[in-house]
């Protein structure tokens, strides 16, 4: 989650010292860059990068809704609850 937090805030991990703030991204753009953008960069956009019929079901389930309003520092507390690769659960966090 550090990369996502940094893209949105350009601040250090305490929320201080933001630099190049004109380069921040809104959350939706940052998520799109990490998903569809990464698939595109890997020449895999035809079968990865979005939750779309016919594409591989590769995704993560997070501990909170990142789009809920609140302090951006909360992004750093977000944990992966499950990882799904090609439709199969390959990781599930301990309760």
PDB file of N, CA and C in Angstrom:
ATOM      1  N   UNK A   1       0.811  -1.200   0.000  1.00  0.00           N
ATOM      2  CA  UNK A   1       0.000   0.000   0.000  1.00  0.00           C
ATOM      3  C   UNK A   1       0.856   1.267   0.000  1.00  0.00           C
ATOM      4  N   UNK A   2       2.147   1.111   0.273  1.00  0.00           N
ATOM      5  CA  UNK A   2       3.017   2.281   0.320  1.00  0.00           C
ATOM      6  C   UNK A   2       3.027   3.005  -1.026  1.00  0.00           C
ATOM      7  N   UNK A   3       3.137   2.272  -2.111  1.00  0.00           N
ATOM      8  CA  UNK A   3       3.171   2.916  -3.433  1.00  0.00           C
ATOM      9  C   UNK A   3       1.899   3.712  -3.688  1.00  0.00           C
ATOM     10  N   UNK A   4       0.748   3.162  -3.286  1.00  0.00           N
ATOM     11  CA  UNK A   4      -0.530   3.838  -3.510  1.00  0.00           C
ATOM     12  C   UNK A   4      -0.617   5.110  -2.652  1.00  0.00           C
ATOM     13  N   UNK A   5      -0.261   4.995  -1.399  1.00  0.00           N
ATOM     14  CA  UNK A   5      -0.235   6.143  -0.496  1.00  0.00           C
ATOM     15  C   UNK A   5       0.682   7.236  -1.046  1.00  0.00           C
ATOM     16  N   UNK A   6       1.862   6.846  -1.486  1.00  0.00           N
ATOM     17  CA  UNK A   6       2.824   7.813  -2.005  1.00  0.00           C
ATOM     18  C   UNK A   6       2.312   8.501  -3.262  1.00  0.00           C
ATOM     19  N   UNK A   7       1.678   7.759  -4.144  1.00  0.00           N
ATOM     20  CA  UNK A   7       1.127   8.352  -5.368  1.00  0.00           C
ATOM     21  C   UNK A   7       0.059   9.391  -5.049  1.00  0.00           C
ATOM     22  N   UNK A   8      -0.722   9.129  -4.015  1.00  0.00           N
ATOM     23  CA  UNK A   8      -1.833  10.020  -3.653  1.00  0.00           C
ATOM     24  C   UNK A   8      -1.367  11.224  -2.846  1.00  0.00           C
ATOM     25  N   UNK A   9      -0.337  11.051  -2.022  1.00  0.00           N
ATOM     26  CA  UNK A   9       0.065  12.128  -1.111  1.00  0.00           C
ATOM     27  C   UNK A   9       1.412  12.771  -1.418  1.00  0.00           C
ATOM     28  N   UNK A  10       2.345  12.000  -1.956  1.00  0.00           N
ATOM     29  CA  UNK A  10       3.737  12.438  -2.158  1.00  0.00           C
ATOM     30  C   UNK A  10       4.388  12.801  -0.825  1.00  0.00           C
ATOM     31  N   UNK A  11       3.865  12.267   0.270  1.00  0.00           N
ATOM     32  CA  UNK A  11       4.374  12.556   1.604  1.00  0.00           C
ATOM     33  C   UNK A  11       5.143  11.354   2.146  1.00  0.00           C
ATOM     34  N   UNK A  12       5.860  11.576   3.250  1.00  0.00           N
ATOM     35  CA  UNK A  12       6.534  10.451   3.886  1.00  0.00           C
ATOM     36  C   UNK A  12       5.509   9.606   4.644  1.00  0.00           C
ATOM     37  N   UNK A  13       5.962   8.544   5.254  1.00  0.00           N
ATOM     38  CA  UNK A  13       5.042   7.591   5.880  1.00  0.00           C
ATOM     39  C   UNK A  13       4.391   8.089   7.160  1.00  0.00           C
ATOM     40  N   UNK A  14       4.726   9.316   7.573  1.00  0.00           N
ATOM     41  CA  UNK A  14       4.053   9.928   8.719  1.00  0.00           C
ATOM     42  C   UNK A  14       3.058  10.989   8.263  1.00  0.00           C
ATOM     43  N   UNK A  15       2.982  11.214   6.959  1.00  0.00           N
ATOM     44  CA  UNK A  15       2.093  12.242   6.426  1.00  0.00           C
ATOM     45  C   UNK A  15       2.747  13.594   6.301  1.00  0.00           C
ATOM     46  N   UNK A  16       4.035  13.665   6.598  1.00  0.00           N
ATOM     47  CA  UNK A  16       4.775  14.932   6.559  1.00  0.00           C
ATOM     48  C   UNK A  16       5.680  14.978   5.331  1.00  0.00           C
ATOM     49  N   UNK A  17       6.246  16.151   5.110  1.00  0.00           N
ATOM     50  CA  UNK A  17       7.297  16.312   4.114  1.00  0.00           C
ATOM     51  C   UNK A  17       6.885  16.067   2.679  1.00  0.00           C
ATOM     52  N   UNK A  18       5.650  16.369   2.321  1.00  0.00           N
ATOM     53  CA  UNK A  18       5.218  16.158   0.941  1.00  0.00           C
ATOM     54  C   UNK A  18       6.087  16.977  -0.008  1.00  0.00           C
ATOM     55  N   UNK A  19       6.466  16.361  -1.109  1.00  0.00           N
ATOM     56  CA  UNK A  19       7.279  17.058  -2.099  1.00  0.00           C
ATOM     57  C   UNK A  19       6.709  16.774  -3.481  1.00  0.00           C
ATOM     58  N   UNK A  20       6.952  17.677  -4.396  1.00  0.00           N
ATOM     59  CA  UNK A  20       6.412  17.566  -5.755  1.00  0.00           C
ATOM     60  C   UNK A  20       4.912  17.270  -5.728  1.00  0.00           C
ATOM     61  N   UNK A  21       4.196  18.013  -4.910  1.00  0.00           N
ATOM     62  CA  UNK A  21       2.757  17.750  -4.743  1.00  0.00           C
ATOM     63  C   UNK A  21       1.976  17.941  -6.029  1.00  0.00           C
ATOM     64  N   UNK A  22       2.539  18.650  -6.996  1.00  0.00           N
ATOM     65  CA  UNK A  22       1.859  18.795  -8.281  1.00  0.00           C
ATOM     66  C   UNK A  22       1.842  17.465  -9.049  1.00  0.00           C
ATOM     67  N   UNK A  23       2.582  16.479  -8.557  1.00  0.00           N
ATOM     68  CA  UNK A  23       2.629  15.169  -9.194  1.00  0.00           C
ATOM     69  C   UNK A  23       1.734  14.138  -8.514  1.00  0.00           C
ATOM     70  N   UNK A  24       0.932  14.554  -7.530  1.00  0.00           N
ATOM     71  CA  UNK A  24       0.025  13.597  -6.888  1.00  0.00           C
ATOM     72  C   UNK A  24      -1.014  13.110  -7.886  1.00  0.00           C
ATOM     73  N   UNK A  25      -1.531  11.931  -7.628  1.00  0.00           N
ATOM     74  CA  UNK A  25      -2.608  11.356  -8.433  1.00  0.00           C
ATOM     75  C   UNK A  25      -3.834  11.205  -7.557  1.00  0.00           C
ATOM     76  N   UNK A  26      -5.012  11.317  -8.155  1.00  0.00           N
ATOM     77  CA  UNK A  26      -6.192  10.965  -7.381  1.00  0.00           C
ATOM     78  C   UNK A  26      -6.200   9.443  -7.250  1.00  0.00           C
ATOM     79  N   UNK A  27      -6.928   8.945  -6.261  1.00  0.00           N
ATOM     80  CA  UNK A  27      -6.909   7.520  -5.938  1.00  0.00           C
ATOM     81  C   UNK A  27      -7.321   6.656  -7.121  1.00  0.00           C
ATOM     82  N   UNK A  28      -8.368   7.032  -7.830  1.00  0.00           N
ATOM     83  CA  UNK A  28      -8.840   6.226  -8.966  1.00  0.00           C
ATOM     84  C   UNK A  28      -7.757   6.111 -10.038  1.00  0.00           C
ATOM     85  N   UNK A  29      -7.060   7.194 -10.313  1.00  0.00           N
ATOM     86  CA  UNK A  29      -5.994   7.167 -11.314  1.00  0.00           C
ATOM     87  C   UNK A  29      -4.844   6.283 -10.852  1.00  0.00           C
ATOM     88  N   UNK A  30      -4.485   6.358  -9.570  1.00  0.00           N
ATOM     89  CA  UNK A  30      -3.408   5.536  -9.038  1.00  0.00           C
ATOM     90  C   UNK A  30      -3.756   4.048  -9.112  1.00  0.00           C
ATOM     91  N   UNK A  31      -4.982   3.696  -8.769  1.00  0.00           N
ATOM     92  CA  UNK A  31      -5.407   2.291  -8.844  1.00  0.00           C
ATOM     93  C   UNK A  31      -5.404   1.829 -10.303  1.00  0.00           C
ATOM     94  N   UNK A  32      -5.893   2.654 -11.194  1.00  0.00           N
ATOM     95  CA  UNK A  32      -5.916   2.310 -12.623  1.00  0.00           C
ATOM     96  C   UNK A  32      -4.485   2.115 -13.152  1.00  0.00           C
ATOM     97  N   UNK A  33      -3.562   2.961 -12.719  1.00  0.00           N
ATOM     98  CA  UNK A  33      -2.168   2.819 -13.146  1.00  0.00           C
ATOM     99  C   UNK A  33      -1.584   1.488 -12.681  1.00  0.00           C
ATOM    100  N   UNK A  34      -1.930   1.084 -11.469  1.00  0.00           N
ATOM    101  CA  UNK A  34      -1.396  -0.154 -10.904  1.00  0.00           C
ATOM    102  C   UNK A  34      -2.032  -1.404 -11.497  1.00  0.00           C
ATOM    103  N   UNK A  35      -3.213  -1.271 -12.045  1.00  0.00           N
ATOM    104  CA  UNK A  35      -3.925  -2.439 -12.570  1.00  0.00           C
ATOM    105  C   UNK A  35      -3.876  -2.454 -14.094  1.00  0.00           C
ATOM    106  N   UNK A  36      -4.707  -1.664 -14.721  1.00  0.00           N
ATOM    107  CA  UNK A  36      -4.756  -1.618 -16.184  1.00  0.00           C
ATOM    108  C   UNK A  36      -3.434  -1.113 -16.756  1.00  0.00           C
ATOM    109  N   UNK A  37      -2.824  -0.139 -16.088  1.00  0.00           N
ATOM    110  CA  UNK A  37      -1.552   0.385 -16.571  1.00  0.00           C
ATOM    111  C   UNK A  37      -0.443  -0.652 -16.537  1.00  0.00           C
ATOM    112  N   UNK A  38      -0.392  -1.428 -15.475  1.00  0.00           N
ATOM    113  CA  UNK A  38       0.618  -2.483 -15.375  1.00  0.00           C
ATOM    114  C   UNK A  38       0.391  -3.564 -16.421  1.00  0.00           C
ATOM    115  N   UNK A  39      -0.860  -3.927 -16.646  1.00  0.00           N
ATOM    116  CA  UNK A  39      -1.155  -4.924 -17.674  1.00  0.00           C
ATOM    117  C   UNK A  39      -0.715  -4.413 -19.044  1.00  0.00           C
ATOM    118  N   UNK A  40      -1.009  -3.165 -19.325  1.00  0.00           N
ATOM    119  CA  UNK A  40      -0.614  -2.563 -20.600  1.00  0.00           C
ATOM    120  C   UNK A  40       0.912  -2.558 -20.757  1.00  0.00           C
ATOM    121  N   UNK A  41       1.612  -2.169 -19.702  1.00  0.00           N
ATOM    122  CA  UNK A  41       3.077  -2.114 -19.747  1.00  0.00           C
ATOM    123  C   UNK A  41       3.686  -3.486 -19.980  1.00  0.00           C
ATOM    124  N   UNK A  42       2.969  -4.540 -19.605  1.00  0.00           N
ATOM    125  CA  UNK A  42       3.438  -5.914 -19.785  1.00  0.00           C
ATOM    126  C   UNK A  42       2.830  -6.586 -21.015  1.00  0.00           C
ATOM    127  N   UNK A  43       2.209  -5.779 -21.881  1.00  0.00           N
ATOM    128  CA  UNK A  43       1.574  -6.289 -23.103  1.00  0.00           C
ATOM    129  C   UNK A  43       0.547  -7.381 -22.790  1.00  0.00           C
ATOM    130  N   UNK A  44      -0.156  -7.237 -21.661  1.00  0.00           N
ATOM    131  CA  UNK A  44      -1.113  -8.247 -21.217  1.00  0.00           C
ATOM    132  C   UNK A  44      -2.512  -7.682 -21.056  1.00  0.00           C
ATOM    133  N   UNK A  45      -2.773  -6.506 -21.632  1.00  0.00           N
ATOM    134  CA  UNK A  45      -4.074  -5.860 -21.432  1.00  0.00           C
ATOM    135  C   UNK A  45      -5.236  -6.643 -22.035  1.00  0.00           C
ATOM    136  N   UNK A  46      -4.964  -7.562 -22.947  1.00  0.00           N
ATOM    137  CA  UNK A  46      -6.046  -8.345 -23.549  1.00  0.00           C
ATOM    138  C   UNK A  46      -6.652  -9.336 -22.554  1.00  0.00           C
ATOM    139  N   UNK A  47      -5.847  -9.768 -21.582  1.00  0.00           N
ATOM    140  CA  UNK A  47      -6.382 -10.768 -20.644  1.00  0.00           C
ATOM    141  C   UNK A  47      -6.157 -10.443 -19.176  1.00  0.00           C
ATOM    142  N   UNK A  48      -5.642  -9.241 -18.869  1.00  0.00           N
ATOM    143  CA  UNK A  48      -5.414  -8.845 -17.481  1.00  0.00           C
ATOM    144  C   UNK A  48      -5.640  -7.346 -17.325  1.00  0.00           C
ATOM    145  N   UNK A  49      -5.690  -6.895 -16.062  1.00  0.00           N
ATOM    146  CA  UNK A  49      -5.714  -5.467 -15.788  1.00  0.00           C
ATOM    147  C   UNK A  49      -7.058  -4.891 -15.413  1.00  0.00           C
ATOM    148  N   UNK A  50      -8.122  -5.650 -15.610  1.00  0.00           N
ATOM    149  CA  UNK A  50      -9.455  -5.194 -15.208  1.00  0.00           C
ATOM    150  C   UNK A  50     -10.321  -6.410 -14.930  1.00  0.00           C
ATOM    151  N   UNK A  51     -11.356  -6.204 -14.142  1.00  0.00           N
ATOM    152  CA  UNK A  51     -12.305  -7.285 -13.859  1.00  0.00           C
ATOM    153  C   UNK A  51     -13.347  -7.229 -14.973  1.00  0.00           C
ATOM    154  N   UNK A  52     -13.105  -8.031 -15.996  1.00  0.00           N
ATOM    155  CA  UNK A  52     -13.904  -8.023 -17.212  1.00  0.00           C
ATOM    156  C   UNK A  52     -14.134  -9.460 -17.648  1.00  0.00           C
ATOM    157  N   UNK A  53     -15.354  -9.801 -18.107  1.00  0.00           N
ATOM    158  CA  UNK A  53     -15.574 -11.166 -18.601  1.00  0.00           C
ATOM    159  C   UNK A  53     -14.545 -11.544 -19.668  1.00  0.00           C
ATOM    160  N   UNK A  54     -14.000 -12.743 -19.513  1.00  0.00           N
ATOM    161  CA  UNK A  54     -13.014 -13.241 -20.456  1.00  0.00           C
ATOM    162  C   UNK A  54     -11.575 -13.000 -20.042  1.00  0.00           C
ATOM    163  N   UNK A  55     -11.365 -12.139 -19.054  1.00  0.00           N
ATOM    164  CA  UNK A  55     -10.012 -11.888 -18.571  1.00  0.00           C
ATOM    165  C   UNK A  55      -9.731 -12.762 -17.351  1.00  0.00           C
ATOM    166  N   UNK A  56      -8.446 -12.974 -17.075  1.00  0.00           N
ATOM    167  CA  UNK A  56      -8.048 -13.746 -15.898  1.00  0.00           C
ATOM    168  C   UNK A  56      -8.572 -13.055 -14.645  1.00  0.00           C
ATOM    169  N   UNK A  57      -9.082 -13.829 -13.732  1.00  0.00           N
ATOM    170  CA  UNK A  57      -9.600 -13.266 -12.480  1.00  0.00           C
ATOM    171  C   UNK A  57      -8.452 -13.198 -11.480  1.00  0.00           C
ATOM    172  N   UNK A  58      -7.582 -12.204 -11.656  1.00  0.00           N
ATOM    173  CA  UNK A  58      -6.467 -11.960 -10.752  1.00  0.00           C
ATOM    174  C   UNK A  58      -6.793 -10.699  -9.968  1.00  0.00           C
ATOM    175  N   UNK A  59      -6.980 -10.838  -8.658  1.00  0.00           N
ATOM    176  CA  UNK A  59      -7.325  -9.669  -7.861  1.00  0.00           C
ATOM    177  C   UNK A  59      -7.009  -9.890  -6.401  1.00  0.00           C
ATOM    178  N   UNK A  60      -7.049  -8.792  -5.653  1.00  0.00           N
ATOM    179  CA  UNK A  60      -6.868  -8.873  -4.211  1.00  0.00           C
ATOM    180  C   UNK A  60      -8.112  -8.332  -3.533  1.00  0.00           C
ATOM    181  N   UNK A  61      -8.373  -8.855  -2.350  1.00  0.00           N
ATOM    182  CA  UNK A  61      -9.449  -8.361  -1.497  1.00  0.00           C
ATOM    183  C   UNK A  61      -8.761  -7.621  -0.360  1.00  0.00           C
ATOM    184  N   UNK A  62      -9.157  -6.374  -0.155  1.00  0.00           N
ATOM    185  CA  UNK A  62      -8.515  -5.544   0.858  1.00  0.00           C
ATOM    186  C   UNK A  62      -9.345  -5.466   2.133  1.00  0.00           C
ATOM    187  N   UNK A  63      -8.705  -5.087   3.210  1.00  0.00           N
ATOM    188  CA  UNK A  63      -9.358  -5.017   4.523  1.00  0.00           C
ATOM    189  C   UNK A  63     -10.287  -3.824   4.665  1.00  0.00           C
ATOM    190  N   UNK A  64     -10.238  -2.879   3.744  1.00  0.00           N
ATOM    191  CA  UNK A  64     -11.113  -1.715   3.807  1.00  0.00           C
ATOM    192  C   UNK A  64     -11.335  -1.184   2.401  1.00  0.00           C
ATOM    193  N   UNK A  65     -12.363  -0.388   2.268  1.00  0.00           N
ATOM    194  CA  UNK A  65     -12.674   0.278   1.011  1.00  0.00           C
ATOM    195  C   UNK A  65     -11.778   1.503   0.893  1.00  0.00           C
ATOM    196  N   UNK A  66     -10.840   1.468  -0.021  1.00  0.00           N
ATOM    197  CA  UNK A  66      -9.908   2.583  -0.177  1.00  0.00           C
ATOM    198  C   UNK A  66     -10.600   3.877  -0.582  1.00  0.00           C
ATOM    199  N   UNK A  67     -11.779   3.769  -1.165  1.00  0.00           N
ATOM    200  CA  UNK A  67     -12.477   4.953  -1.651  1.00  0.00           C
ATOM    201  C   UNK A  67     -13.389   5.597  -0.608  1.00  0.00           C
ATOM    202  N   UNK A  68     -13.433   5.025   0.591  1.00  0.00           N
ATOM    203  CA  UNK A  68     -14.151   5.679   1.683  1.00  0.00           C
ATOM    204  C   UNK A  68     -13.385   6.938   2.067  1.00  0.00           C
ATOM    205  N   UNK A  69     -14.081   8.048   2.230  1.00  0.00           N
ATOM    206  CA  UNK A  69     -13.369   9.273   2.618  1.00  0.00           C
ATOM    207  C   UNK A  69     -12.669   9.092   3.958  1.00  0.00           C
ATOM    208  N   UNK A  70     -11.562   9.761   4.100  1.00  0.00           N
ATOM    209  CA  UNK A  70     -10.835   9.688   5.361  1.00  0.00           C
ATOM    210  C   UNK A  70      -9.391  10.114   5.187  1.00  0.00           C
ATOM    211  N   UNK A  71      -8.630   9.921   6.211  1.00  0.00           N
ATOM    212  CA  UNK A  71      -7.226  10.283   6.232  1.00  0.00           C
ATOM    213  C   UNK A  71      -6.441   9.364   5.291  1.00  0.00           C
ATOM    214  N   UNK A  72      -5.673   9.908   4.355  1.00  0.00           N
ATOM    215  CA  UNK A  72      -4.880   9.075   3.456  1.00  0.00           C
ATOM    216  C   UNK A  72      -3.920   8.137   4.187  1.00  0.00           C
ATOM    217  N   UNK A  73      -3.522   8.481   5.427  1.00  0.00           N
ATOM    218  CA  UNK A  73      -2.653   7.580   6.189  1.00  0.00           C
ATOM    219  C   UNK A  73      -3.308   6.218   6.412  1.00  0.00           C
ATOM    220  N   UNK A  74      -4.636   6.168   6.367  1.00  0.00           N
ATOM    221  CA  UNK A  74      -5.340   4.894   6.553  1.00  0.00           C
ATOM    222  C   UNK A  74      -5.003   3.905   5.445  1.00  0.00           C
ATOM    223  N   UNK A  75      -4.577   4.409   4.292  1.00  0.00           N
ATOM    224  CA  UNK A  75      -4.170   3.510   3.212  1.00  0.00           C
ATOM    225  C   UNK A  75      -3.048   2.597   3.696  1.00  0.00           C
ATOM    226  N   UNK A  76      -2.159   3.142   4.508  1.00  0.00           N
ATOM    227  CA  UNK A  76      -1.018   2.367   5.002  1.00  0.00           C
ATOM    228  C   UNK A  76      -1.427   1.252   5.952  1.00  0.00           C
ATOM    229  N   UNK A  77      -2.602   1.369   6.561  1.00  0.00           N
ATOM    230  CA  UNK A  77      -3.097   0.334   7.470  1.00  0.00           C
ATOM    231  C   UNK A  77      -3.915  -0.727   6.746  1.00  0.00           C
ATOM    232  N   UNK A  78      -4.143  -0.549   5.474  1.00  0.00           N
ATOM    233  CA  UNK A  78      -4.939  -1.487   4.688  1.00  0.00           C
ATOM    234  C   UNK A  78      -4.136  -2.758   4.447  1.00  0.00           C
ATOM    235  N   UNK A  79      -4.765  -3.876   4.636  1.00  0.00           N
ATOM    236  CA  UNK A  79      -4.102  -5.173   4.472  1.00  0.00           C
ATOM    237  C   UNK A  79      -4.796  -5.995   3.392  1.00  0.00           C
ATOM    238  N   UNK A  80      -4.032  -6.880   2.785  1.00  0.00           N
ATOM    239  CA  UNK A  80      -4.594  -7.832   1.825  1.00  0.00           C
ATOM    240  C   UNK A  80      -5.229  -8.963   2.622  1.00  0.00           C
ATOM    241  N   UNK A  81      -6.507  -9.181   2.386  1.00  0.00           N
ATOM    242  CA  UNK A  81      -7.254 -10.231   3.067  1.00  0.00           C
ATOM    243  C   UNK A  81      -7.202 -11.524   2.260  1.00  0.00           C
ATOM    244  N   UNK A  82      -7.213 -11.405   0.944  1.00  0.00           N
ATOM    245  CA  UNK A  82      -7.150 -12.578   0.073  1.00  0.00           C
ATOM    246  C   UNK A  82      -6.568 -12.180  -1.270  1.00  0.00           C
ATOM    247  N   UNK A  83      -5.904 -13.143  -1.900  1.00  0.00           N
ATOM    248  CA  UNK A  83      -5.378 -12.959  -3.252  1.00  0.00           C
ATOM    249  C   UNK A  83      -5.958 -14.069  -4.113  1.00  0.00           C
ATOM    250  N   UNK A  84      -6.468 -13.687  -5.264  1.00  0.00           N
ATOM    251  CA  UNK A  84      -7.082 -14.625  -6.197  1.00  0.00           C
ATOM    252  C   UNK A  84      -6.301 -14.545  -7.504  1.00  0.00           C
ATOM    253  N   UNK A  85      -5.842 -15.692  -7.993  1.00  0.00           N
ATOM    254  CA  UNK A  85      -5.101 -15.763  -9.246  1.00  0.00           C
ATOM    255  C   UNK A  85      -5.827 -16.719 -10.173  1.00  0.00           C
ATOM    256  N   UNK A  86      -6.210 -16.220 -11.327  1.00  0.00           N
ATOM    257  CA  UNK A  86      -6.941 -16.993 -12.326  1.00  0.00           C
ATOM    258  C   UNK A  86      -8.175 -17.662 -11.706  1.00  0.00           C
ATOM    259  N   UNK A  87      -8.820 -16.932 -10.816  1.00  0.00           N
ATOM    260  CA  UNK A  87     -10.059 -17.413 -10.214  1.00  0.00           C
ATOM    261  C   UNK A  87      -9.891 -18.316  -9.003  1.00  0.00           C
ATOM    262  N   UNK A  88      -8.664 -18.639  -8.633  1.00  0.00           N
ATOM    263  CA  UNK A  88      -8.400 -19.514  -7.486  1.00  0.00           C
ATOM    264  C   UNK A  88      -7.832 -18.705  -6.337  1.00  0.00           C
ATOM    265  N   UNK A  89      -8.343 -18.919  -5.120  1.00  0.00           N
ATOM    266  CA  UNK A  89      -7.787 -18.254  -3.947  1.00  0.00           C
ATOM    267  C   UNK A  89      -6.441 -18.872  -3.644  1.00  0.00           C
ATOM    268  N   UNK A  90      -5.392 -18.058  -3.677  1.00  0.00           N
ATOM    269  CA  UNK A  90      -4.038 -18.551  -3.410  1.00  0.00           C
ATOM    270  C   UNK A  90      -3.484 -18.041  -2.088  1.00  0.00           C
ATOM    271  N   UNK A  91      -4.178 -17.065  -1.506  1.00  0.00           N
ATOM    272  CA  UNK A  91      -3.770 -16.550  -0.208  1.00  0.00           C
ATOM    273  C   UNK A  91      -4.997 -16.082   0.534  1.00  0.00           C
ATOM    274  N   UNK A  92      -5.065 -16.422   1.803  1.00  0.00           N
ATOM    275  CA  UNK A  92      -6.129 -15.938   2.683  1.00  0.00           C
ATOM    276  C   UNK A  92      -5.483 -15.584   4.012  1.00  0.00           C
ATOM    277  N   UNK A  93      -5.677 -14.338   4.468  1.00  0.00           N
ATOM    278  CA  UNK A  93      -5.084 -13.889   5.724  1.00  0.00           C
ATOM    279  C   UNK A  93      -5.673 -14.660   6.898  1.00  0.00           C
ATOM    280  N   UNK A  94      -4.856 -14.812   7.904  1.00  0.00           N
ATOM    281  CA  UNK A  94      -5.339 -15.413   9.155  1.00  0.00           C
ATOM    282  C   UNK A  94      -6.304 -14.439   9.803  1.00  0.00           C
ATOM    283  N   UNK A  95      -7.404 -14.948  10.388  1.00  0.00           N
ATOM    284  CA  UNK A  95      -8.367 -14.036  11.055  1.00  0.00           C
ATOM    285  C   UNK A  95      -7.792 -13.348  12.263  1.00  0.00           C
TER     286      UNK A  95
END
